[in-house]
Every structure is written in C-alpha cells, then in structure tokens.
Protein backbone atom coordinates (compact mmCIF):
# COMPACT_ATOMS: atom_id res chain seq x y z
CA UNK A 1 77.68 -111.33 124.60
CA UNK A 2 77.90 -110.64 128.32
CA UNK A 3 76.91 -107.39 130.05
CA UNK A 4 80.46 -106.41 130.95
CA UNK A 5 82.77 -103.57 129.91
CA UNK A 6 86.56 -103.82 129.54
CA UNK A 7 87.76 -100.23 129.16
CA UNK A 8 91.24 -98.87 128.59
CA UNK A 9 93.05 -98.10 131.84
CA UNK A 10 92.96 -94.50 133.04
CA UNK A 11 96.08 -92.68 134.28
CA UNK A 12 96.72 -93.58 137.91
CA UNK A 13 96.29 -90.96 140.61
CA UNK A 14 99.70 -89.39 141.31
CA UNK A 15 101.41 -89.98 144.63
CA UNK A 16 101.92 -88.32 147.01
CA UNK A 17 98.55 -86.61 146.72
CA UNK A 18 96.20 -84.27 148.57
CA UNK A 19 92.64 -83.80 147.37
CA UNK A 20 92.38 -80.12 148.38
CA UNK A 21 95.70 -79.24 146.74
CA UNK A 22 94.51 -80.89 143.53
CA UNK A 23 91.11 -79.12 143.58
CA UNK A 24 92.70 -75.68 143.96
CA UNK A 25 95.77 -76.10 141.72
CA UNK A 26 94.15 -74.80 138.52
CA UNK A 27 92.72 -71.77 140.32
CA UNK A 28 96.14 -70.82 141.69
CA UNK A 29 97.15 -70.01 138.11
CA UNK A 30 94.28 -67.47 137.82
CA UNK A 31 94.16 -65.95 141.33
CA UNK A 32 91.92 -63.01 140.40
CA UNK A 33 89.26 -65.09 138.65
CA UNK A 34 85.93 -65.59 140.43
CA UNK A 35 85.91 -69.07 141.95
CA UNK A 36 82.56 -68.76 143.73
CA UNK A 37 79.65 -66.36 143.63
CA UNK A 38 76.49 -66.48 145.71
CA UNK A 39 73.81 -65.25 143.33
CA UNK A 40 70.53 -63.64 144.30
CA UNK A 41 71.71 -62.61 147.77
CA UNK A 42 70.83 -59.18 149.16
CA UNK A 43 74.55 -58.53 149.55
CA UNK A 44 76.91 -59.62 146.77
CA UNK A 45 79.35 -62.32 147.82
CA UNK A 46 82.22 -63.13 145.49
CA UNK A 47 85.27 -65.23 146.18
CA UNK A 48 88.32 -65.03 143.94
CA UNK A 49 90.58 -68.05 143.72
CA UNK A 50 93.20 -66.16 145.72
CA UNK A 51 90.74 -65.49 148.54
CA UNK A 52 89.38 -69.05 148.47
CA UNK A 53 92.83 -70.66 148.59
CA UNK A 54 93.96 -68.38 151.42
CA UNK A 55 90.82 -69.15 153.46
CA UNK A 56 91.17 -72.91 152.90
CA UNK A 57 94.83 -73.03 153.88
CA UNK A 58 94.30 -70.65 156.81
CA UNK A 59 91.52 -72.91 158.06
CA UNK A 60 93.89 -75.86 157.82
CA UNK A 61 96.38 -73.99 160.00
CA UNK A 62 93.70 -73.08 162.54
CA UNK A 63 92.49 -76.65 162.87
CA UNK A 64 96.02 -77.93 163.43
CA UNK A 65 96.63 -75.20 166.02
CA UNK A 66 93.76 -76.65 168.01
CA UNK A 67 95.81 -79.79 168.47
CA UNK A 68 94.25 -81.94 165.77
CA UNK A 69 96.47 -84.49 164.06
CA UNK A 70 96.36 -85.80 160.47
CA UNK A 71 93.78 -88.58 160.29
CA UNK A 72 91.52 -87.04 162.95
CA UNK A 73 87.87 -86.70 162.00
CA UNK A 74 85.96 -83.42 161.95
CA UNK A 75 82.15 -83.50 162.11
CA UNK A 76 80.64 -80.67 160.06
CA UNK A 77 77.38 -79.18 161.39
CA UNK A 78 77.41 -76.07 159.20
CA UNK A 79 74.54 -74.45 157.34
CA UNK A 80 74.16 -73.44 153.71
CA UNK A 81 76.99 -70.89 153.62
CA UNK A 82 80.45 -70.63 152.09
CA UNK A 83 81.86 -71.75 155.43
CA UNK A 84 80.91 -75.28 154.45
CA UNK A 85 83.20 -75.85 151.43
CA UNK A 86 85.99 -73.74 152.97
CA UNK A 87 86.00 -75.85 156.14
CA UNK A 88 85.66 -79.05 154.13
CA UNK A 89 88.71 -78.32 151.97
CA UNK A 90 90.60 -76.77 154.89
CA UNK A 91 90.32 -79.98 156.86
CA UNK A 92 91.44 -82.08 153.89
CA UNK A 93 94.33 -79.71 153.19
CA UNK A 94 95.65 -80.38 156.71
CA UNK A 95 95.22 -84.15 156.41
CA UNK A 96 92.07 -84.28 158.54
CA UNK A 97 88.97 -86.26 157.55
CA UNK A 98 85.82 -84.10 157.33
CA UNK A 99 82.34 -85.60 157.79
CA UNK A 100 79.80 -83.33 156.02
CA UNK A 101 76.23 -83.77 157.31
CA UNK A 102 72.80 -82.32 156.64
CA UNK A 103 71.55 -79.58 158.94
CA UNK A 104 68.14 -81.32 158.92
CA UNK A 105 69.44 -84.15 161.11
CA UNK A 106 68.00 -84.12 164.62
CA UNK A 107 69.96 -84.33 167.86
CA UNK A 108 69.48 -88.10 168.25
CA UNK A 109 70.38 -88.70 164.59
CA UNK A 110 73.61 -86.70 164.71
CA UNK A 111 74.49 -88.23 168.09
CA UNK A 112 74.38 -91.69 166.50
CA UNK A 113 76.69 -90.47 163.74
CA UNK A 114 79.13 -88.99 166.27
CA UNK A 115 79.13 -92.22 168.26
CA UNK A 116 79.98 -94.17 165.12
CA UNK A 117 82.64 -91.82 163.72
CA UNK A 118 84.28 -90.53 166.94
CA UNK A 119 85.13 -87.01 165.73
CA UNK A 120 87.94 -85.05 167.34
CA UNK A 121 86.12 -81.76 166.67
CA UNK A 122 82.62 -80.53 165.79
CA UNK A 123 82.19 -77.45 163.58
CA UNK A 124 78.94 -75.78 164.61
CA UNK A 125 76.72 -73.39 162.70
CA UNK A 126 73.98 -71.33 164.32
CA UNK A 127 70.73 -73.12 165.20
CA UNK A 128 71.99 -76.53 164.06
CA UNK A 129 71.45 -79.63 166.23
CA UNK A 130 74.69 -80.83 167.83
CA UNK A 131 75.57 -84.32 169.03
CA UNK A 132 75.63 -85.44 172.63
CA UNK A 133 79.33 -86.24 172.39
CA UNK A 134 82.50 -85.20 174.26
CA UNK A 135 84.27 -83.76 171.19
CA UNK A 136 84.99 -80.01 171.52
CA UNK A 137 82.84 -77.63 169.48
CA UNK A 138 84.11 -74.80 167.29
CA UNK A 139 81.56 -72.16 166.35
CA UNK A 140 81.24 -70.39 163.02
CA UNK A 141 82.79 -67.10 164.10
CA UNK A 142 85.94 -68.84 165.35
CA UNK A 143 86.08 -70.83 162.13
CA UNK A 144 85.87 -67.69 160.01
CA UNK A 145 88.66 -66.07 162.01
CA UNK A 146 90.96 -68.82 160.76
CA UNK A 147 90.70 -67.57 157.17
CA UNK A 148 93.38 -64.95 157.81
CA UNK A 149 95.91 -67.28 159.41
CA UNK A 150 99.13 -68.21 157.58
CA UNK A 151 98.74 -70.96 154.99
CA UNK A 152 99.14 -74.54 156.13
CA UNK A 153 101.35 -76.92 154.21
CA UNK A 154 99.46 -79.35 152.03
CA UNK A 155 99.42 -82.68 153.85
CA UNK A 156 100.66 -85.02 151.13
CA UNK A 157 100.41 -88.78 151.34
CA UNK A 158 99.03 -91.91 149.75
CA UNK A 159 96.00 -91.30 147.52
CA UNK A 160 94.55 -94.44 149.15
CA UNK A 161 94.31 -92.92 152.62
CA UNK A 162 90.89 -91.76 153.91
CA UNK A 163 90.00 -88.29 152.66
CA UNK A 164 86.41 -87.72 153.80
CA UNK A 165 83.34 -89.56 155.09
CA UNK A 166 79.81 -89.06 153.79
CA UNK A 167 76.54 -90.69 154.77
CA UNK A 168 74.26 -92.52 152.39
CA UNK A 169 70.64 -91.47 152.14
CA UNK A 170 69.61 -94.63 153.91
CA UNK A 171 67.67 -96.22 151.05
CA UNK A 172 68.80 -99.62 152.30
CA UNK A 173 67.14 -99.09 155.68
CA UNK A 174 69.49 -96.86 157.66
CA UNK A 175 72.26 -94.40 156.76
CA UNK A 176 75.78 -95.81 156.44
CA UNK A 177 79.14 -94.07 156.74
CA UNK A 178 80.94 -94.15 153.38
CA UNK A 179 84.72 -93.68 153.61
CA UNK A 180 86.31 -92.21 150.48
CA UNK A 181 90.00 -92.01 149.65
CA UNK A 182 91.74 -88.85 148.44
CA UNK A 183 91.90 -90.50 144.99
CA UNK A 184 88.09 -90.22 144.60
CA UNK A 185 88.48 -86.66 143.31
CA UNK A 186 90.98 -87.79 140.67
CA UNK A 187 88.44 -90.30 139.33
CA UNK A 188 85.91 -87.53 138.77
CA UNK A 189 87.86 -86.44 135.66
CA UNK A 190 85.99 -89.23 133.87
CA UNK A 191 82.83 -87.14 134.26
CA UNK A 192 84.29 -84.00 132.74
CA UNK A 193 83.79 -85.09 129.13
CA UNK A 194 81.41 -88.01 129.52
CA UNK A 195 78.80 -85.99 131.41
CA UNK A 196 79.53 -82.27 131.83
CA UNK A 197 81.61 -81.36 128.76
CA UNK A 198 83.30 -79.12 131.34
CA UNK A 199 85.57 -76.22 130.34
CA UNK A 200 87.72 -73.78 132.29
CA UNK A 201 85.60 -70.88 131.01
CA UNK A 202 82.35 -72.38 132.28
CA UNK A 203 80.05 -70.81 134.85
CA UNK A 204 78.33 -73.71 136.62
CA UNK A 205 75.14 -72.93 138.54
CA UNK A 206 74.08 -75.71 140.91
CA UNK A 207 70.64 -75.53 142.50
CA UNK A 208 71.51 -77.55 145.63
CA UNK A 209 72.70 -76.60 149.10
CA UNK A 210 76.41 -76.52 149.95
CA UNK A 211 76.13 -79.53 152.25
CA UNK A 212 74.65 -81.87 149.60
CA UNK A 213 77.30 -84.16 148.11
CA UNK A 214 75.88 -83.54 144.61
CA UNK A 215 76.57 -79.82 145.11
CA UNK A 216 79.98 -80.38 146.68
CA UNK A 217 81.14 -82.52 143.77
CA UNK A 218 79.37 -81.28 140.65
CA UNK A 219 78.74 -77.70 141.77
CA UNK A 220 82.07 -76.88 143.44
CA UNK A 221 84.93 -79.41 143.40
CA UNK A 222 84.82 -80.21 139.68
CA UNK A 223 84.50 -76.61 138.43
CA UNK A 224 87.33 -75.57 140.76
CA UNK A 225 89.55 -78.47 139.70
CA UNK A 226 89.43 -77.23 136.10
CA UNK A 227 89.58 -73.53 137.03
CA UNK A 228 85.94 -72.67 136.20
CA UNK A 229 83.52 -70.50 138.21
CA UNK A 230 80.86 -71.90 140.54
CA UNK A 231 77.52 -70.13 141.09
CA UNK A 232 75.33 -71.08 144.05
CA UNK A 233 71.89 -69.45 144.47
CA UNK A 234 70.99 -67.81 147.75
CA UNK A 235 67.95 -69.37 149.48
CA UNK A 236 64.79 -68.33 147.68
CA UNK A 237 66.57 -66.84 144.67
CA UNK A 238 64.53 -67.27 141.44
CA UNK A 239 66.58 -69.81 139.50
CA UNK A 240 65.40 -68.87 136.02
CA UNK A 241 66.39 -65.26 136.57
CA UNK A 242 69.72 -66.26 138.14
CA UNK A 243 70.61 -68.46 135.17
CA UNK A 244 70.06 -65.58 132.80
CA UNK A 245 71.42 -62.70 134.88
CA UNK A 246 74.69 -64.43 135.77
CA UNK A 247 75.38 -65.96 132.34
CA UNK A 248 75.38 -69.56 133.55
CA UNK A 249 76.73 -71.92 130.90
CA UNK A 250 75.91 -75.15 132.79
CA UNK A 251 73.04 -75.85 135.17
CA UNK A 252 72.94 -78.81 137.56
CA UNK A 253 69.89 -79.85 139.55
CA UNK A 254 67.67 -82.76 140.57
CA UNK A 255 64.69 -83.54 138.31
CA UNK A 256 62.27 -81.92 140.76
CA UNK A 257 63.98 -78.55 140.30
CA UNK A 258 63.55 -78.73 136.54
CA UNK A 259 59.86 -79.50 137.04
CA UNK A 260 59.46 -76.42 139.25
CA UNK A 261 61.12 -74.19 136.66
CA UNK A 262 58.79 -75.53 133.98
CA UNK A 263 55.52 -75.49 135.91
CA UNK A 264 54.15 -72.26 134.44
CA UNK A 265 54.76 -73.44 130.86
CA UNK A 266 56.64 -70.33 129.77
CA UNK A 267 59.72 -70.23 127.55
CA UNK A 268 63.03 -69.59 129.34
CA UNK A 269 65.43 -67.26 127.55
CA UNK A 270 68.88 -68.52 128.59
CA UNK A 271 71.24 -67.41 125.81
CA UNK A 272 74.47 -68.53 127.49
CA UNK A 273 73.31 -71.94 128.75
CA UNK A 274 74.85 -74.86 126.81
CA UNK A 275 72.97 -77.64 128.58
CA UNK A 276 71.58 -78.89 131.88
CA UNK A 277 72.78 -81.74 134.11
CA UNK A 278 70.52 -84.01 136.14
CA UNK A 279 71.21 -86.57 138.88
CA UNK A 280 69.72 -87.74 142.15
CA UNK A 281 66.83 -89.70 140.64
CA UNK A 282 65.60 -90.79 137.22
CA UNK A 283 64.78 -87.86 134.93
CA UNK A 284 61.31 -88.33 133.37
CA UNK A 285 61.27 -88.10 129.58
CA UNK A 286 58.40 -85.60 129.75
CA UNK A 287 60.59 -83.27 131.84
CA UNK A 288 63.51 -83.62 129.45
CA UNK A 289 61.29 -82.83 126.46
CA UNK A 290 59.62 -79.89 128.19
CA UNK A 291 63.01 -78.38 129.12
CA UNK A 292 64.20 -78.70 125.50
CA UNK A 293 61.03 -76.99 124.31
CA UNK A 294 61.30 -74.18 126.90
CA UNK A 295 65.03 -73.46 126.54
CA UNK A 296 66.31 -75.09 123.37
CA UNK A 297 68.88 -76.93 125.55
CA UNK A 298 69.32 -80.60 126.34
CA UNK A 299 69.54 -82.15 129.80
CA UNK A 300 72.22 -84.80 130.25
CA UNK A 301 71.61 -87.34 132.97
CA UNK A 302 73.96 -89.28 135.23
CA UNK A 303 73.47 -92.34 137.41
CA UNK A 304 75.57 -92.73 140.52
CA UNK A 305 75.59 -93.23 144.25
CA UNK A 306 77.37 -92.02 147.38
CA UNK A 307 79.70 -95.00 147.22
CA UNK A 308 81.06 -94.18 143.75
CA UNK A 309 79.62 -90.82 142.66
CA UNK A 310 78.43 -90.98 139.01
CA UNK A 311 79.72 -93.60 136.58
CA UNK A 312 76.92 -93.90 133.99
CA UNK A 313 76.00 -90.77 132.05
CA UNK A 314 74.96 -89.19 128.79
CA UNK A 315 76.83 -86.23 127.34
CA UNK A 316 76.88 -83.90 124.34
CA UNK A 317 79.34 -86.17 122.56
CA UNK A 318 77.30 -89.32 123.34
CA UNK A 319 73.65 -88.57 124.10
CA UNK A 320 71.47 -91.30 125.53
CA UNK A 321 68.63 -92.75 123.50
CA UNK A 322 65.11 -91.85 124.74
CA UNK A 323 64.49 -93.72 127.98
CA UNK A 324 68.16 -94.57 128.43
CA UNK A 325 70.37 -93.51 131.34
CA UNK A 326 73.55 -93.22 129.27
CA UNK A 327 76.80 -95.12 128.94
CA UNK A 328 79.61 -96.19 131.27
CA UNK A 329 82.07 -93.30 131.43
CA UNK A 330 85.39 -93.91 129.69
CA UNK A 331 87.60 -95.86 132.09
CA UNK A 332 84.73 -97.33 134.11
CA UNK A 333 84.55 -101.11 134.32
CA UNK A 334 80.97 -102.11 135.07
CA UNK A 335 78.87 -105.24 134.77
CA UNK A 336 75.24 -106.31 135.02
CA UNK A 337 75.07 -109.30 137.33
CA UNK A 338 72.46 -112.01 137.75
CA UNK A 339 71.42 -113.68 141.00
CA UNK A 340 74.42 -116.02 140.70
CA UNK A 341 76.85 -113.08 140.73
CA UNK A 342 77.90 -113.61 137.09
CA UNK A 343 77.35 -111.15 134.22
CA UNK A 344 74.07 -111.66 132.38
CA UNK A 345 73.71 -111.58 128.60
CA UNK A 346 73.17 -108.26 126.89
CA UNK A 347 69.66 -106.74 127.09
CA UNK A 348 68.86 -108.86 130.16
CA UNK A 349 67.91 -107.21 133.48
CA UNK A 350 70.24 -107.53 136.43
CA UNK A 351 72.08 -105.63 139.13
CA UNK A 352 74.55 -102.94 138.10
CA UNK A 353 78.00 -103.48 139.63
CA UNK A 354 81.26 -101.51 139.68
CA UNK A 355 84.65 -103.20 139.60
CA UNK A 356 86.66 -103.09 142.80
CA UNK A 357 89.49 -101.38 140.90
CA UNK A 358 87.47 -98.27 140.03
CA UNK A 359 89.44 -95.29 141.43
CA UNK A 360 86.21 -93.57 142.44
CA UNK A 361 84.90 -96.46 144.49
CA UNK A 362 84.81 -95.97 148.25
CA UNK A 363 87.30 -97.57 150.60
CA UNK A 364 84.27 -99.09 152.30
CA UNK A 365 81.59 -98.59 154.92
CA UNK A 366 83.00 -97.57 158.27
CA UNK A 367 83.20 -100.51 160.64
CA UNK A 368 84.73 -101.14 164.04
CA UNK A 369 88.08 -102.05 162.48
CA UNK A 370 87.99 -99.47 159.67
CA UNK A 371 86.44 -99.33 156.18
CA UNK A 372 84.88 -102.57 154.97
CA UNK A 373 84.14 -102.99 151.24
CA UNK A 374 81.40 -105.58 150.56
CA UNK A 375 82.09 -107.38 147.29
CA UNK A 376 80.56 -110.07 145.14
CA UNK A 377 83.69 -111.55 143.67
CA UNK A 378 85.48 -108.53 142.19
CA UNK A 379 82.33 -106.42 142.04
CA UNK A 380 80.58 -103.87 144.23
CA UNK A 381 76.86 -104.34 143.63
CA UNK A 382 75.07 -100.98 143.53
CA UNK A 383 71.43 -101.94 144.13
CA UNK A 384 70.37 -100.42 140.78
CA UNK A 385 68.51 -102.70 138.38
CA UNK A 386 69.49 -102.06 134.76
CA UNK A 387 70.03 -103.69 131.40
CA UNK A 388 72.99 -103.19 129.06
CA UNK A 389 72.52 -103.03 125.28
CA UNK A 390 74.97 -104.25 122.65
CA UNK A 391 76.51 -100.76 122.41
CA UNK A 392 76.95 -100.54 126.23
CA UNK A 393 73.90 -98.27 126.63
CA UNK A 394 72.39 -98.61 130.11
CA UNK A 395 68.63 -98.59 130.74
CA UNK A 396 67.73 -97.88 134.36
CA UNK A 397 64.95 -100.06 135.77
CA UNK A 398 64.86 -98.70 139.32
CA UNK A 399 66.36 -99.37 142.72
CA UNK A 400 66.16 -102.97 143.77
CA UNK A 401 64.29 -101.92 146.92
CA UNK A 402 61.78 -99.93 144.79
CA UNK A 403 60.97 -102.81 142.42
CA UNK A 404 57.35 -103.94 142.51
CA UNK A 405 55.99 -107.48 142.35
CA UNK A 406 52.82 -107.97 140.33
CA UNK A 407 51.54 -111.53 140.15
CA UNK A 408 55.07 -112.89 140.37
CA UNK A 409 56.47 -110.45 137.78
CA UNK A 410 59.03 -107.82 138.82
CA UNK A 411 57.94 -104.40 137.57
CA UNK A 412 59.99 -101.21 137.51
CA UNK A 413 58.12 -98.21 138.96
CA UNK A 414 59.87 -96.02 136.40
CA UNK A 415 58.26 -97.84 133.48
CA UNK A 416 54.79 -97.36 134.93
CA UNK A 417 55.44 -93.75 135.93
CA UNK A 418 56.74 -92.83 132.48
CA UNK A 419 53.66 -94.31 130.82
CA UNK A 420 51.21 -92.53 133.13
CA UNK A 421 53.11 -89.23 133.06
CA UNK A 422 51.91 -88.84 129.46
CA UNK A 423 48.36 -88.28 130.74
CA UNK A 424 47.64 -84.61 129.98
CA UNK A 425 46.17 -83.84 133.42
CA UNK A 426 48.83 -85.52 135.56
CA UNK A 427 51.47 -83.13 136.88
CA UNK A 428 53.66 -85.47 138.93
CA UNK A 429 53.44 -89.18 139.65
CA UNK A 430 55.00 -91.96 141.69
CA UNK A 431 54.19 -95.66 141.70
CA UNK A 432 54.93 -98.18 144.41
CA UNK A 433 53.75 -101.51 145.76
CA UNK A 434 51.42 -101.21 148.75
CA UNK A 435 49.53 -103.61 150.98
CA UNK A 436 45.87 -102.53 151.43
CA UNK A 437 45.30 -105.49 153.74
CA UNK A 438 47.31 -108.32 155.17
CA UNK A 439 48.53 -110.76 152.54
CA UNK A 440 47.60 -108.55 149.57
CA UNK A 441 50.00 -106.41 147.53
CA UNK A 442 49.07 -104.21 144.60
CA UNK A 443 50.63 -101.53 142.44
CA UNK A 444 49.41 -98.06 143.42
CA UNK A 445 49.81 -94.76 141.59
CA UNK A 446 50.03 -91.51 143.57
CA UNK A 447 49.68 -88.39 141.45
CA UNK A 448 49.24 -84.63 141.58
CA UNK A 449 46.78 -82.78 139.36
CA UNK A 450 44.57 -79.71 139.51
CA UNK A 451 41.76 -81.94 140.84
CA UNK A 452 41.18 -85.65 141.43
CA UNK A 453 40.82 -87.57 138.15
CA UNK A 454 38.26 -90.23 137.35
CA UNK A 455 39.80 -93.56 138.34
CA UNK A 456 38.10 -95.48 135.54
CA UNK A 457 39.51 -93.04 133.00
CA UNK A 458 42.99 -93.49 134.47
CA UNK A 459 42.69 -97.26 134.27
CA UNK A 460 41.64 -97.02 130.62
CA UNK A 461 44.61 -94.74 129.91
CA UNK A 462 47.02 -97.17 131.60
CA UNK A 463 45.60 -100.05 129.57
CA UNK A 464 46.66 -98.35 126.33
CA UNK A 465 50.34 -98.33 127.33
CA UNK A 466 50.97 -101.09 129.86
CA UNK A 467 50.53 -104.82 130.11
CA UNK A 468 47.74 -105.84 132.44
CA UNK A 469 50.08 -106.94 135.24
CA UNK A 470 51.91 -103.58 135.17
CA UNK A 471 48.77 -101.47 135.50
CA UNK A 472 48.05 -99.86 138.89
CA UNK A 473 45.04 -101.20 140.76
CA UNK A 474 44.71 -98.08 142.88
CA UNK A 475 45.04 -94.36 142.11
CA UNK A 476 45.30 -91.67 144.76
CA UNK A 477 45.26 -87.90 144.23
CA UNK A 478 47.82 -86.04 146.39
CA UNK A 479 48.47 -82.38 147.08
CA UNK A 480 52.18 -83.14 146.65
CA UNK A 481 54.54 -86.11 146.57
CA UNK A 482 57.09 -86.66 149.35
CA UNK A 483 60.56 -85.51 148.39
CA UNK A 484 63.78 -84.82 150.22
CA UNK A 485 65.16 -81.28 150.58
CA UNK A 486 67.13 -81.93 147.39
CA UNK A 487 64.11 -83.08 145.39
CA UNK A 488 64.53 -86.85 145.53
CA UNK A 489 61.26 -88.77 145.42
CA UNK A 490 60.57 -91.08 148.38
CA UNK A 491 58.43 -94.03 147.33
CA UNK A 492 59.09 -95.57 150.72
CA UNK A 493 57.39 -92.60 152.41
CA UNK A 494 54.35 -93.12 150.16
CA UNK A 495 54.14 -96.80 151.12
CA UNK A 496 54.51 -96.01 154.81
CA UNK A 497 51.90 -93.25 154.73
CA UNK A 498 49.39 -95.35 152.79
CA UNK A 499 49.75 -98.39 155.01
CA UNK A 500 49.48 -96.21 158.13
CA UNK A 501 46.22 -94.80 156.80
CA UNK A 502 47.47 -91.19 156.66
C-alpha cells in the first residue's frame, strides 16, 4: 500500500470572494460580542465585532483615499498592537495585498524585502526599522485616524487572486516571499474540527505576537471566522494567570511556551480550558505528558508550513498515538515521496508532499514574473521527513535540512532528543550534526540543566535507548538553547556557534 491519501473533495471556495469579508461575516451577526481582548494590559482594551468591522472597513477606505489601487502591495512594519490585524484586514478588504513582517528585521533585511516586493505604501510603527525604498510611509497615528472613516466596499473577485504575502523563516537558507490567494482562508476550515475542535462560544488565547503568522491565523482569523473571541496577552503578562482569569477555553502556543509554563512543576488550575494547541516545532512527549499532569488537559499538535499552513494534526476526535504528529486533515491530499518522486510504501520514510490542488497551498514564491509554484509532478514537496502508517497516521522525522548523517545512516534529531529528554536532570535538549574538524562529522547533544552533567553518565544513558550509530559523541552544557522570538528551536544556530568556536 502506497503512502498516499485520496480524500473526498471539499466544498469549493465561493466566487466572488474577499478574505476579510469572509473572516468578519460571522461577527457581523453578533456585533456586541467581544471579538478581541488584550489581556494583562495596564489599561483594558476590548474590541467588539462592531468596532472591529468598522475599523477594518474604515482603514480600507483610508488606504484607497491615498491613491492605492486593488492589487497594490502594502508593507507592514507595525509592532505588537491591534493596529496590525486591523491594517492587515483593512488592506485585504480594499483589494490590496498586505505584506506582514517581523519588527525584529533590520534596515538592510527589510530593504531587501521592499526591493523584492515593490510596495506602494509602508505602514510604520514607532521605533521599527524602515526600508530604504521610495514608497511613501504612513505612520501609526494616521493609520488609526482611518478607523472612523466611512466603510469601504468589500473588494470582491476571484478567490485565486493574490490576497497577502508572507515570508518564510528561511530554513532553506534565506527567506522567501510566499504569495497566498484569498482562498487560503477558506481552506482553514479543515482545521476547525481536525485540530481545534473550534466553536463559536470559544475564547482562544494565543501566546504569540500579532505579527506572527501562527497568531494571525490560529489566534485571530479562525476564531473571528466562526464568531468566537480572541485573547492576546499583553507583553509580559503571566500566561497561567491570564488563562484562568479570562476563562480561556483554548490555548495556542509553541512548545517552548508550554515548557516555560511548566518549569516550576506546579499544578495549573484552568477550569475552563478544554485543551491546548501546539505548532511551530515538534512537541516533545515529555512536555505533552507534563502539561496533562499539571492541567488535566491534552495538547493537540499540528504540522504545517508558511506555504500551506497546517495540514497534519491531531484533535479531540482523533488523537495522535504517542510520538505521532497526527493525521491528514479531512480533505487534504498528501503523499510521502521517495527520491524518485513517487509515493513510498506505508511505514517507509520519505518527504511529505501536498497535492497542487490543495486550496490552502500558496500560489507560489514571488518571482520576477509573479508567483512560481515549484512542483514534483503534481506535488509540492514540503521538506519534512515523515512516514505514513496503514491508518494514515503521520510520524514526523524532522526537517530534511536538520537530518543528521551517522556513518552513512540518516538519523532524525527528534528521535535522539526524545530519548535523551527522559534523563531526569536534562531540562531542554537539541541534537545536531557538527564538524569538530575538517572532514569529520558527529552527532552532538546540547542541553540545559542545573549544572553540567557527567559525559560518561550521559553516554551510558543514551546507550540504553539508542542504537550505537544514533548516540551523540559529544555533549555540551548550555545556559539556554537558541530559539526565535516565537520559541522555535534553531539547530542551525547551534551548528554555526559550535563550529565558530563560540
């Protein structure tokens, strides 16, 4: 049996279509309901659906009044405030193409993005690096003044037209501009039951910043599309207290956030929480088990990427087996491909691929002539190494560029990390292939603990759980492991630091 799914077709995205109109349609039926609340801030900030819709459509009017035309691109350089999602949806409402970016990008980095995307306007927050580019700049105060303008008409059109552009994290070497169609939001309905178990009465608390695509999608767009309430913590707000005080029913975060909440070992009394959601990197089984012990709630994991959001997940109605990533969401056609580009047999490792017909798949990477979608036959190859069981269950083996080579054998860092994470003194761990000298490559384990551990003892521990060729040859104690602002582990940074001698 081949590693290939053949799901029932999902309802097609309606046409004409506008992503922002779709996201806010359910909320228009409950205008007084809280759409968004910033929790833990010194001054309460609540947005009803009526206020949110008015601000979005007023922003659309203001952008058009500045002479922008449908299809023009708007580069977003806004901080972690409500201005970000309002401007994002306002641009889409008017038929413009927003480009959300991280405030951590430097001047040279954002200049390269501007040169590639040629924005017609830059939206500028305070103290955020701006590009060296001729596009006019609109500051935050002028943007906020647009909230009170008359509502723009929804710019309706083909669901296949470009809706927004996001940048990959650059795991392949350098960031790439991912062009998504308006229809991408329609495809996210496949997550509602096969990951979130999302309901209109839910109160979703997402731990990320507004300008992270995980937050934009899972924390805001999806709750709003079903008419639920979104909760976003103010910077520095204690998450455990916020979950309890604001009656959060769903909690979404990266695995690193769960680890931080669990670090003191105390129970968390969260009577309204149904379950947690995790994405961004592989969730360690020890973290999942510790969260269940501390809260009584499960964490459901999803696997995805900027080019297609999430498409593999576990959920309350179909939990993943221990160590598994989950199942293809209903309607997703995926395959596990071998080096020849053909599906491998079940339970064999290969590259996870998404069919070109998936409604959530990007239009392509931005090129000189427009979006270009790289395909292997009918498949977009994701770069994730997985295996598919007889029941379609997916086991994640790591990113292809994170895979380690030990004596000619390919080894997943996740397998080694999960084995070593069971050591009682290890707090956090990452494994990667390093080169201690020219022509020599070994598996190295970088870990955090209260104090450096005896290397011989660690080697003996590894020998009880791992084949000889999978066992690290080097162990290094670290004060912390390198992670992005959103908690994603960077094995590449560990390799670079080690080989630079720092």
